Protein backbone atom coordinates (compact mmCIF):
# COMPACT_ATOMS: atom_id res chain seq x y z
CA MET A 1 20.42 30.36 23.60
CA GLU A 2 21.18 26.94 22.33
CA SER A 3 23.15 24.33 24.16
CA SER A 4 26.54 23.53 22.66
CA ARG A 5 25.96 19.86 23.40
CA PRO A 6 24.62 17.92 20.39
CA LYS A 7 21.31 16.14 20.95
CA LYS A 8 21.99 12.53 19.97
CA GLY A 9 19.12 10.36 18.89
CA ARG A 10 16.63 13.13 18.15
CA ASN A 11 15.93 12.43 14.54
CA TRP A 12 13.56 10.55 12.27
CA TYR A 13 15.27 7.18 12.71
CA SER A 14 15.06 7.11 16.48
CA ALA A 15 11.44 8.33 16.48
CA MET A 16 10.37 5.59 14.09
CA GLY A 17 12.39 3.02 16.07
CA ILE A 18 10.55 3.93 19.27
CA LEU A 19 7.24 3.76 17.38
CA PHE A 20 7.94 0.26 16.06
CA ILE A 21 9.01 -1.00 19.50
CA VAL A 22 5.93 0.47 21.22
CA ILE A 23 3.53 -0.98 18.64
CA GLY A 24 5.22 -4.40 18.89
CA ALA A 25 4.92 -4.30 22.69
CA ILE A 26 1.23 -3.35 22.50
CA VAL A 27 0.50 -6.29 20.18
CA MET A 28 2.39 -8.76 22.39
CA VAL A 29 0.67 -7.57 25.60
CA ARG A 30 -2.72 -7.69 23.89
CA ASN A 31 -2.13 -11.26 22.72
CA VAL A 32 -1.00 -12.37 26.17
CA LEU A 33 -4.13 -10.85 27.70
CA ILE A 34 -6.51 -12.31 25.10
CA TRP A 35 -4.89 -15.73 24.94
CA SER A 36 -2.52 -16.99 27.61
CA PRO A 37 1.29 -16.94 27.74
CA ASP A 38 1.31 -20.64 26.81
CA PHE A 39 -0.66 -20.06 23.60
CA VAL A 40 1.46 -17.03 22.70
CA LEU A 41 4.62 -19.10 23.15
CA ASP A 42 3.12 -21.87 21.00
CA PHE A 43 2.21 -19.33 18.31
CA LEU A 44 5.72 -17.90 18.49
CA LEU A 45 7.46 -21.26 18.11
CA ASN A 46 5.32 -22.98 15.46
CA SER A 47 6.21 -23.04 11.76
CA GLU A 48 3.45 -20.70 10.55
CA ILE A 49 3.76 -16.95 10.11
CA THR A 50 1.83 -15.46 13.02
CA ASN A 51 1.20 -12.08 14.60
CA GLU A 52 3.71 -12.81 17.35
CA LYS A 53 6.51 -13.37 14.86
CA ILE A 54 5.66 -10.09 13.13
CA SER A 55 5.86 -8.38 16.53
CA VAL A 56 9.32 -9.83 17.16
CA GLY A 57 10.33 -8.54 13.72
CA MET A 58 9.01 -5.12 14.71
CA PHE A 59 11.21 -5.21 17.83
CA VAL A 60 14.25 -6.08 15.74
CA PHE A 61 13.52 -3.44 13.08
CA GLY A 62 12.80 -0.83 15.78
CA GLY A 63 16.11 -1.63 17.48
CA PHE A 64 17.91 -1.30 14.16
CA LEU A 65 16.30 2.10 13.55
CA LEU A 66 17.27 3.21 17.05
CA PHE A 67 20.83 2.12 16.36
CA LEU A 68 20.86 4.15 13.15
CA GLY A 69 19.32 7.12 14.93
CA PHE A 70 22.02 7.24 17.58
CA ARG A 71 24.81 6.49 15.13
CA LYS A 72 23.99 8.49 12.02
CA LYS A 73 24.08 12.27 11.98
CA VAL A 74 21.14 13.60 9.97
CA VAL A 75 21.60 17.12 8.68
């Protein structure tokens, strides 16, 4: 028997959002462990495109996908 309650957030968008956030977190933790938090902050704030900025973009894109996953009803 199925529950009459709809399962929000169990679709492709939310799964991909979680994936992007987890991968971004793994990259940031790896960089902090390899370098130091000071270097990671310097890499994040300089004017070049770096791995840390891509990771922040992955967090933002993952959050956007999670928002779509909880908002949009996929048939």
